[in-house]
């Protein structure tokens, strides 16, 4: 049976998550705020692109920040007050960063608003569903289209590691790159992770070694999902303490 790419992160955190969900039907509640923050980020990016195309070349930084903030307020208006305030606090840095990038591109490069939008905001394909029956994997891929090439993009609301990216994220993006290659008959060697909180983008190279590692992990997931194999797990109290399934695992899991 086909494996959802999102299952890779579950397995990498702890294989028991896959076992509990696929064999016992027990899944961890999703982080609804993180999902909404990601959607807000992408909606704001689209709004900023549209705004960049319309602004005057002599607009001041504070004026643009005020306009972008109003756009953001419109996007999050439907949230409850607590989530709205929290989202606004987290997104203010992005408002300032985008305003600065737009003004700097216009002043230093002499670009019009329309050209700034073209340079700073490549066309974005959002949550595009791809299923590959031959590889038996499927997922929803967000990607940028630049000069005819597709670049998978993963938006993260959590903090990044000190350098590089987390292994689970790199494997998910490698799987997305392979799906894009199959879907559009192209080569996709580079993907990106965009971390909202520090406002930083980091590349992921879908090289041979990472692809081989991905297929090994997919085989491990299939042994749990399709064959009912109980995974070997090295219990780490600190990791278990951060897992939403810890209590359920100790009560319902195979090691109870």
C-alpha atoms as a PDB file:
ATOM      1  CA  UNK A   1       0.000   0.000   0.000  1.00  0.00           C
ATOM      2  CA  UNK A   2       1.085   3.565  -0.689  1.00  0.00           C
ATOM      3  CA  UNK A   3       2.948   5.457   2.035  1.00  0.00           C
ATOM      4  CA  UNK A   4       2.186   9.098   2.799  1.00  0.00           C
ATOM      5  CA  UNK A   5       5.359  11.183   2.785  1.00  0.00           C
ATOM      6  CA  UNK A   6       4.249  12.768   6.066  1.00  0.00           C
ATOM      7  CA  UNK A   7       4.655   9.349   7.697  1.00  0.00           C
ATOM      8  CA  UNK A   8       8.440   9.659   7.389  1.00  0.00           C
ATOM      9  CA  UNK A   9       8.648  12.276  10.156  1.00  0.00           C
ATOM     10  CA  UNK A  10       6.533  10.098  12.434  1.00  0.00           C
ATOM     11  CA  UNK A  11       8.810   7.128  11.850  1.00  0.00           C
ATOM     12  CA  UNK A  12      11.992   9.135  12.329  1.00  0.00           C
ATOM     13  CA  UNK A  13      10.737  10.538  15.635  1.00  0.00           C
ATOM     14  CA  UNK A  14       9.667   7.102  16.841  1.00  0.00           C
ATOM     15  CA  UNK A  15       8.616   4.026  14.800  1.00  0.00           C
ATOM     16  CA  UNK A  16       5.983   3.281  17.441  1.00  0.00           C
ATOM     17  CA  UNK A  17       3.970   6.232  16.135  1.00  0.00           C
ATOM     18  CA  UNK A  18       3.571   4.407  12.826  1.00  0.00           C
ATOM     19  CA  UNK A  19       2.739   1.145  14.606  1.00  0.00           C
ATOM     20  CA  UNK A  20       0.083   2.737  16.825  1.00  0.00           C
ATOM     21  CA  UNK A  21      -1.605   4.547  13.952  1.00  0.00           C
ATOM     22  CA  UNK A  22      -1.431   1.899  11.246  1.00  0.00           C
ATOM     23  CA  UNK A  23      -1.962  -1.221  13.368  1.00  0.00           C
ATOM     24  CA  UNK A  24      -4.038   0.047  16.296  1.00  0.00           C
ATOM     25  CA  UNK A  25      -5.726   3.076  14.733  1.00  0.00           C
ATOM     26  CA  UNK A  26      -4.329   5.478  17.352  1.00  0.00           C
ATOM     27  CA  UNK A  27      -2.939   8.777  16.074  1.00  0.00           C
ATOM     28  CA  UNK A  28      -1.496  11.858  17.721  1.00  0.00           C
ATOM     29  CA  UNK A  29      -3.666  14.991  17.584  1.00  0.00           C
ATOM     30  CA  UNK A  30      -2.344  17.453  15.025  1.00  0.00           C
ATOM     31  CA  UNK A  31      -0.872  20.804  16.005  1.00  0.00           C
ATOM     32  CA  UNK A  32      -3.685  23.004  14.744  1.00  0.00           C
ATOM     33  CA  UNK A  33      -1.904  26.255  15.535  1.00  0.00           C
ATOM     34  CA  UNK A  34       1.184  25.212  13.555  1.00  0.00           C
ATOM     35  CA  UNK A  35      -1.032  24.343  10.584  1.00  0.00           C
ATOM     36  CA  UNK A  36      -2.796  27.712  10.756  1.00  0.00           C
ATOM     37  CA  UNK A  37       0.512  29.561  11.115  1.00  0.00           C
ATOM     38  CA  UNK A  38       1.849  27.843   7.999  1.00  0.00           C
ATOM     39  CA  UNK A  39      -1.297  28.739   6.061  1.00  0.00           C
ATOM     40  CA  UNK A  40      -1.116  32.329   7.316  1.00  0.00           C
ATOM     41  CA  UNK A  41       2.511  32.552   6.214  1.00  0.00           C
ATOM     42  CA  UNK A  42       1.687  31.367   2.691  1.00  0.00           C
ATOM     43  CA  UNK A  43      -1.396  33.602   2.461  1.00  0.00           C
ATOM     44  CA  UNK A  44       0.685  36.584   3.571  1.00  0.00           C
ATOM     45  CA  UNK A  45       3.348  35.786   1.000  1.00  0.00           C
ATOM     46  CA  UNK A  46       0.671  35.885  -1.725  1.00  0.00           C
ATOM     47  CA  UNK A  47      -0.679  39.169  -0.349  1.00  0.00           C
ATOM     48  CA  UNK A  48       2.819  40.695  -0.245  1.00  0.00           C
ATOM     49  CA  UNK A  49       3.436  39.690  -3.855  1.00  0.00           C
ATOM     50  CA  UNK A  50       0.191  41.327  -4.933  1.00  0.00           C
ATOM     51  CA  UNK A  51       0.995  44.428  -2.890  1.00  0.00           C
ATOM     52  CA  UNK A  52       4.509  44.720  -4.350  1.00  0.00           C
ATOM     53  CA  UNK A  53       3.088  44.966  -7.865  1.00  0.00           C
ATOM     54  CA  UNK A  54       0.992  48.005  -6.930  1.00  0.00           C
ATOM     55  CA  UNK A  55       3.254  50.147  -4.742  1.00  0.00           C
ATOM     56  CA  UNK A  56       4.776  53.458  -5.800  1.00  0.00           C
ATOM     57  CA  UNK A  57       8.535  53.638  -6.230  1.00  0.00           C
ATOM     58  CA  UNK A  58       8.849  56.448  -3.663  1.00  0.00           C
ATOM     59  CA  UNK A  59       7.022  54.643  -0.845  1.00  0.00           C
ATOM     60  CA  UNK A  60       8.709  54.843   2.564  1.00  0.00           C
ATOM     61  CA  UNK A  61       9.632  51.816   4.656  1.00  0.00           C
ATOM     62  CA  UNK A  62       7.239  52.695   7.482  1.00  0.00           C
ATOM     63  CA  UNK A  63       4.394  53.193   5.004  1.00  0.00           C
ATOM     64  CA  UNK A  64       4.973  49.797   3.409  1.00  0.00           C
ATOM     65  CA  UNK A  65       5.227  48.073   6.790  1.00  0.00           C
ATOM     66  CA  UNK A  66       1.912  49.621   7.813  1.00  0.00           C
ATOM     67  CA  UNK A  67       0.233  48.455   4.586  1.00  0.00           C
ATOM     68  CA  UNK A  68       1.607  44.919   4.909  1.00  0.00           C
ATOM     69  CA  UNK A  69       0.541  44.775   8.530  1.00  0.00           C
ATOM     70  CA  UNK A  70      -3.001  45.695   7.508  1.00  0.00           C
ATOM     71  CA  UNK A  71      -2.896  42.901   4.923  1.00  0.00           C
ATOM     72  CA  UNK A  72      -1.801  40.453   7.622  1.00  0.00           C
ATOM     73  CA  UNK A  73      -4.550  41.640   9.965  1.00  0.00           C
ATOM     74  CA  UNK A  74      -7.075  40.919   7.228  1.00  0.00           C
ATOM     75  CA  UNK A  75      -5.714  37.397   6.772  1.00  0.00           C
ATOM     76  CA  UNK A  76      -5.938  36.480  10.473  1.00  0.00           C
ATOM     77  CA  UNK A  77      -9.191  38.307  11.209  1.00  0.00           C
ATOM     78  CA  UNK A  78     -11.126  35.037  11.416  1.00  0.00           C
ATOM     79  CA  UNK A  79      -8.965  33.566  14.197  1.00  0.00           C
ATOM     80  CA  UNK A  80      -9.950  33.783  17.839  1.00  0.00           C
ATOM     81  CA  UNK A  81      -8.328  36.588  19.817  1.00  0.00           C
ATOM     82  CA  UNK A  82      -5.642  34.459  21.482  1.00  0.00           C
ATOM     83  CA  UNK A  83      -4.504  32.828  18.237  1.00  0.00           C
ATOM     84  CA  UNK A  84      -4.744  36.134  16.393  1.00  0.00           C
ATOM     85  CA  UNK A  85      -2.463  37.914  18.870  1.00  0.00           C
ATOM     86  CA  UNK A  86       0.025  35.038  18.937  1.00  0.00           C
ATOM     87  CA  UNK A  87       0.125  34.828  15.145  1.00  0.00           C
ATOM     88  CA  UNK A  88       0.594  38.578  14.815  1.00  0.00           C
ATOM     89  CA  UNK A  89       3.522  38.519  17.261  1.00  0.00           C
ATOM     90  CA  UNK A  90       5.223  35.701  15.348  1.00  0.00           C
ATOM     91  CA  UNK A  91       4.598  37.237  11.919  1.00  0.00           C
ATOM     92  CA  UNK A  92       5.687  40.815  12.657  1.00  0.00           C
ATOM     93  CA  UNK A  93       9.298  39.921  11.886  1.00  0.00           C
ATOM     94  CA  UNK A  94       8.185  38.604   8.486  1.00  0.00           C
ATOM     95  CA  UNK A  95       6.269  41.831   7.820  1.00  0.00           C
ATOM     96  CA  UNK A  96       9.388  43.890   8.528  1.00  0.00           C
ATOM     97  CA  UNK A  97      11.656  41.523   6.577  1.00  0.00           C
ATOM     98  CA  UNK A  98       9.497  41.543   3.439  1.00  0.00           C
ATOM     99  CA  UNK A  99       9.071  45.315   3.564  1.00  0.00           C
ATOM    100  CA  UNK A 100      12.849  45.695   3.821  1.00  0.00           C
ATOM    101  CA  UNK A 101      13.478  43.313   0.917  1.00  0.00           C
ATOM    102  CA  UNK A 102      10.985  45.117  -1.317  1.00  0.00           C
ATOM    103  CA  UNK A 103      12.350  48.591  -0.535  1.00  0.00           C
ATOM    104  CA  UNK A 104      15.961  47.444  -0.924  1.00  0.00           C
ATOM    105  CA  UNK A 105      15.257  45.781  -4.284  1.00  0.00           C
ATOM    106  CA  UNK A 106      13.536  48.899  -5.572  1.00  0.00           C
ATOM    107  CA  UNK A 107      16.215  51.313  -4.358  1.00  0.00           C
ATOM    108  CA  UNK A 108      19.433  49.385  -5.015  1.00  0.00           C
ATOM    109  CA  UNK A 109      18.415  47.492  -8.152  1.00  0.00           C
ATOM    110  CA  UNK A 110      16.157  50.167  -9.564  1.00  0.00           C
ATOM    111  CA  UNK A 111      13.337  47.683 -10.097  1.00  0.00           C
ATOM    112  CA  UNK A 112       9.685  48.524 -10.541  1.00  0.00           C
ATOM    113  CA  UNK A 113       7.151  47.017  -8.172  1.00  0.00           C
ATOM    114  CA  UNK A 114       6.141  44.473 -10.794  1.00  0.00           C
ATOM    115  CA  UNK A 115       9.749  43.351 -11.306  1.00  0.00           C
ATOM    116  CA  UNK A 116      10.322  43.208  -7.545  1.00  0.00           C
ATOM    117  CA  UNK A 117       7.361  40.849  -7.227  1.00  0.00           C
ATOM    118  CA  UNK A 118       8.786  38.697 -10.022  1.00  0.00           C
ATOM    119  CA  UNK A 119      12.231  38.493  -8.383  1.00  0.00           C
ATOM    120  CA  UNK A 120      11.224  38.096  -4.728  1.00  0.00           C
ATOM    121  CA  UNK A 121       8.145  35.923  -5.141  1.00  0.00           C
ATOM    122  CA  UNK A 122       8.565  33.123  -7.703  1.00  0.00           C
ATOM    123  CA  UNK A 123       5.341  31.366  -8.762  1.00  0.00           C
ATOM    124  CA  UNK A 124       4.239  29.064  -5.954  1.00  0.00           C
ATOM    125  CA  UNK A 125       2.337  25.804  -6.414  1.00  0.00           C
ATOM    126  CA  UNK A 126       0.738  25.015  -3.097  1.00  0.00           C
ATOM    127  CA  UNK A 127      -0.058  21.542  -1.711  1.00  0.00           C
ATOM    128  CA  UNK A 128      -0.044  19.859  -5.115  1.00  0.00           C
ATOM    129  CA  UNK A 129      -1.138  16.197  -4.696  1.00  0.00           C
ATOM    130  CA  UNK A 130       1.151  13.620  -6.326  1.00  0.00           C
ATOM    131  CA  UNK A 131       0.841   9.848  -6.174  1.00  0.00           C
ATOM    132  CA  UNK A 132       3.399   7.479  -7.661  1.00  0.00           C
ATOM    133  CA  UNK A 133       1.980   3.929  -7.869  1.00  0.00           C
ATOM    134  CA  UNK A 134       5.312   2.401  -8.895  1.00  0.00           C
ATOM    135  CA  UNK A 135       7.140   3.725  -5.819  1.00  0.00           C
ATOM    136  CA  UNK A 136       4.005   3.439  -3.660  1.00  0.00           C
ATOM    137  CA  UNK A 137       4.403   6.883  -2.095  1.00  0.00           C
ATOM    138  CA  UNK A 138       2.162   9.936  -2.184  1.00  0.00           C
ATOM    139  CA  UNK A 139       2.150  13.435  -0.779  1.00  0.00           C
ATOM    140  CA  UNK A 140       1.119  17.062  -1.172  1.00  0.00           C
ATOM    141  CA  UNK A 141       4.013  19.106  -2.498  1.00  0.00           C
ATOM    142  CA  UNK A 142       4.454  22.854  -2.194  1.00  0.00           C
ATOM    143  CA  UNK A 143       6.992  24.079  -4.736  1.00  0.00           C
ATOM    144  CA  UNK A 144       8.372  27.156  -6.420  1.00  0.00           C
ATOM    145  CA  UNK A 145       8.689  27.367 -10.182  1.00  0.00           C
ATOM    146  CA  UNK A 146      11.831  29.223 -11.291  1.00  0.00           C
ATOM    147  CA  UNK A 147      12.904  29.381 -14.943  1.00  0.00           C
ATOM    148  CA  UNK A 148      11.034  26.170 -15.724  1.00  0.00           C
ATOM    149  CA  UNK A 149      12.504  24.219 -12.792  1.00  0.00           C
ATOM    150  CA  UNK A 150      10.555  22.958  -9.776  1.00  0.00           C
ATOM    151  CA  UNK A 151      11.909  23.431  -6.248  1.00  0.00           C
ATOM    152  CA  UNK A 152       9.984  21.671  -3.448  1.00  0.00           C
ATOM    153  CA  UNK A 153       9.486  23.911  -0.427  1.00  0.00           C
ATOM    154  CA  UNK A 154       8.636  22.871   3.129  1.00  0.00           C
ATOM    155  CA  UNK A 155       7.409  25.529   5.557  1.00  0.00           C
ATOM    156  CA  UNK A 156       8.429  24.892   9.167  1.00  0.00           C
ATOM    157  CA  UNK A 157       6.990  26.610  12.218  1.00  0.00           C
ATOM    158  CA  UNK A 158       9.478  24.980  14.609  1.00  0.00           C
ATOM    159  CA  UNK A 159      13.023  26.102  15.343  1.00  0.00           C
ATOM    160  CA  UNK A 160      15.815  24.857  13.051  1.00  0.00           C
ATOM    161  CA  UNK A 161      18.904  22.962  14.193  1.00  0.00           C
ATOM    162  CA  UNK A 162      22.122  24.916  14.741  1.00  0.00           C
ATOM    163  CA  UNK A 163      23.182  24.095  11.182  1.00  0.00           C
ATOM    164  CA  UNK A 164      21.693  22.128   8.320  1.00  0.00           C
ATOM    165  CA  UNK A 165      18.209  20.629   8.650  1.00  0.00           C
ATOM    166  CA  UNK A 166      16.651  17.856  10.698  1.00  0.00           C
ATOM    167  CA  UNK A 167      17.112  14.395   9.071  1.00  0.00           C
ATOM    168  CA  UNK A 168      13.362  13.707   8.917  1.00  0.00           C
ATOM    169  CA  UNK A 169      12.750  16.961   7.045  1.00  0.00           C
ATOM    170  CA  UNK A 170      15.554  16.235   4.591  1.00  0.00           C
ATOM    171  CA  UNK A 171      14.062  12.808   3.816  1.00  0.00           C
ATOM    172  CA  UNK A 172      10.556  14.214   3.366  1.00  0.00           C
ATOM    173  CA  UNK A 173      11.875  16.809   0.930  1.00  0.00           C
ATOM    174  CA  UNK A 174      13.856  14.141  -0.907  1.00  0.00           C
ATOM    175  CA  UNK A 175      10.631  12.154  -1.285  1.00  0.00           C
ATOM    176  CA  UNK A 176       8.896  15.291  -2.567  1.00  0.00           C
ATOM    177  CA  UNK A 177      11.733  15.852  -5.044  1.00  0.00           C
ATOM    178  CA  UNK A 178      11.331  12.302  -6.368  1.00  0.00           C
ATOM    179  CA  UNK A 179       7.562  12.743  -6.693  1.00  0.00           C
ATOM    180  CA  UNK A 180       8.087  15.989  -8.625  1.00  0.00           C
ATOM    181  CA  UNK A 181      10.576  14.263 -10.921  1.00  0.00           C
ATOM    182  CA  UNK A 182       8.082  11.506 -11.686  1.00  0.00           C
ATOM    183  CA  UNK A 183       5.117  13.860 -12.096  1.00  0.00           C
ATOM    184  CA  UNK A 184       6.772  16.428 -14.365  1.00  0.00           C
ATOM    185  CA  UNK A 185       9.490  14.262 -15.976  1.00  0.00           C
ATOM    186  CA  UNK A 186      12.268  16.527 -14.794  1.00  0.00           C
ATOM    187  CA  UNK A 187      15.306  16.470 -12.514  1.00  0.00           C
ATOM    188  CA  UNK A 188      14.939  17.955  -9.051  1.00  0.00           C
ATOM    189  CA  UNK A 189      18.150  17.956  -7.044  1.00  0.00           C
ATOM    190  CA  UNK A 190      17.553  20.911  -4.712  1.00  0.00           C
ATOM    191  CA  UNK A 191      14.692  21.606  -2.317  1.00  0.00           C
ATOM    192  CA  UNK A 192      14.320  24.164   0.456  1.00  0.00           C
ATOM    193  CA  UNK A 193      13.074  24.383   4.017  1.00  0.00           C
ATOM    194  CA  UNK A 194      11.779  27.777   5.061  1.00  0.00           C
ATOM    195  CA  UNK A 195      11.833  28.353   8.823  1.00  0.00           C
ATOM    196  CA  UNK A 196       9.248  30.973   9.748  1.00  0.00           C
ATOM    197  CA  UNK A 197      10.520  31.938  13.196  1.00  0.00           C
ATOM    198  CA  UNK A 198      14.117  32.911  12.300  1.00  0.00           C
ATOM    199  CA  UNK A 199      13.066  33.894   8.775  1.00  0.00           C
ATOM    200  CA  UNK A 200      15.669  31.625   7.214  1.00  0.00           C
ATOM    201  CA  UNK A 201      15.734  29.324   4.188  1.00  0.00           C
ATOM    202  CA  UNK A 202      18.036  26.288   4.038  1.00  0.00           C
ATOM    203  CA  UNK A 203      18.702  23.992   1.051  1.00  0.00           C
ATOM    204  CA  UNK A 204      18.383  20.214   0.923  1.00  0.00           C
ATOM    205  CA  UNK A 205      20.271  18.282  -1.748  1.00  0.00           C
ATOM    206  CA  UNK A 206      18.530  15.142  -3.010  1.00  0.00           C
ATOM    207  CA  UNK A 207      21.790  13.326  -3.674  1.00  0.00           C
ATOM    208  CA  UNK A 208      22.305   9.593  -4.218  1.00  0.00           C
ATOM    209  CA  UNK A 209      23.094   8.822  -0.579  1.00  0.00           C
ATOM    210  CA  UNK A 210      20.006  10.590   0.742  1.00  0.00           C
ATOM    211  CA  UNK A 211      17.792   8.858  -1.827  1.00  0.00           C
ATOM    212  CA  UNK A 212      19.157   5.447  -0.840  1.00  0.00           C
ATOM    213  CA  UNK A 213      18.581   6.224   2.834  1.00  0.00           C
ATOM    214  CA  UNK A 214      15.018   7.304   2.027  1.00  0.00           C
ATOM    215  CA  UNK A 215      14.227   3.981   0.336  1.00  0.00           C
ATOM    216  CA  UNK A 216      15.660   2.094   3.327  1.00  0.00           C
ATOM    217  CA  UNK A 217      13.350   4.054   5.652  1.00  0.00           C
ATOM    218  CA  UNK A 218      10.355   3.413   3.380  1.00  0.00           C
ATOM    219  CA  UNK A 219      11.113  -0.325   3.519  1.00  0.00           C
ATOM    220  CA  UNK A 220      11.196  -0.144   7.333  1.00  0.00           C
ATOM    221  CA  UNK A 221       7.829   1.639   7.344  1.00  0.00           C
ATOM    222  CA  UNK A 222       6.312  -1.000   5.046  1.00  0.00           C
ATOM    223  CA  UNK A 223       7.416  -3.787   7.376  1.00  0.00           C
ATOM    224  CA  UNK A 224       5.379  -2.124  10.116  1.00  0.00           C
ATOM    225  CA  UNK A 225       2.465  -0.917   8.022  1.00  0.00           C
ATOM    226  CA  UNK A 226       1.977  -3.912   5.721  1.00  0.00           C
ATOM    227  CA  UNK A 227       3.534  -6.828   7.625  1.00  0.00           C
ATOM    228  CA  UNK A 228       2.550  -5.813  11.157  1.00  0.00           C
ATOM    229  CA  UNK A 229       6.129  -5.969  12.393  1.00  0.00           C
ATOM    230  CA  UNK A 230       6.657  -4.564  15.887  1.00  0.00           C
ATOM    231  CA  UNK A 231       9.485  -2.023  15.624  1.00  0.00           C
ATOM    232  CA  UNK A 232      12.499  -2.135  17.884  1.00  0.00           C
ATOM    233  CA  UNK A 233      12.503   1.045  19.923  1.00  0.00           C
ATOM    234  CA  UNK A 234      15.162   2.406  22.226  1.00  0.00           C
ATOM    235  CA  UNK A 235      13.154   4.169  24.914  1.00  0.00           C
ATOM    236  CA  UNK A 236      14.429   7.652  25.713  1.00  0.00           C
ATOM    237  CA  UNK A 237      12.555   9.321  28.599  1.00  0.00           C
ATOM    238  CA  UNK A 238      13.251  12.840  27.306  1.00  0.00           C
ATOM    239  CA  UNK A 239      11.827  12.025  23.871  1.00  0.00           C
ATOM    240  CA  UNK A 240       8.852  10.142  25.315  1.00  0.00           C
ATOM    241  CA  UNK A 241       8.059  13.133  27.531  1.00  0.00           C
ATOM    242  CA  UNK A 242       7.628  15.317  24.435  1.00  0.00           C
ATOM    243  CA  UNK A 243       5.407  12.797  22.628  1.00  0.00           C
ATOM    244  CA  UNK A 244       1.639  13.207  22.673  1.00  0.00           C
ATOM    245  CA  UNK A 245       1.226   9.430  22.508  1.00  0.00           C
ATOM    246  CA  UNK A 246       3.452   8.542  25.478  1.00  0.00           C
ATOM    247  CA  UNK A 247       0.617   7.603  27.820  1.00  0.00           C
ATOM    248  CA  UNK A 248      -1.287   5.739  25.113  1.00  0.00           C
ATOM    249  CA  UNK A 249       1.870   3.922  24.044  1.00  0.00           C
ATOM    250  CA  UNK A 250       2.548   2.667  27.570  1.00  0.00           C
ATOM    251  CA  UNK A 251      -1.086   1.585  27.938  1.00  0.00           C
ATOM    252  CA  UNK A 252      -1.945   0.224  24.473  1.00  0.00           C
ATOM    253  CA  UNK A 253       1.407  -0.443  22.806  1.00  0.00           C
ATOM    254  CA  UNK A 254       3.116  -3.824  22.412  1.00  0.00           C
ATOM    255  CA  UNK A 255       5.432  -3.158  25.375  1.00  0.00           C
ATOM    256  CA  UNK A 256       2.656  -2.584  27.937  1.00  0.00           C
END
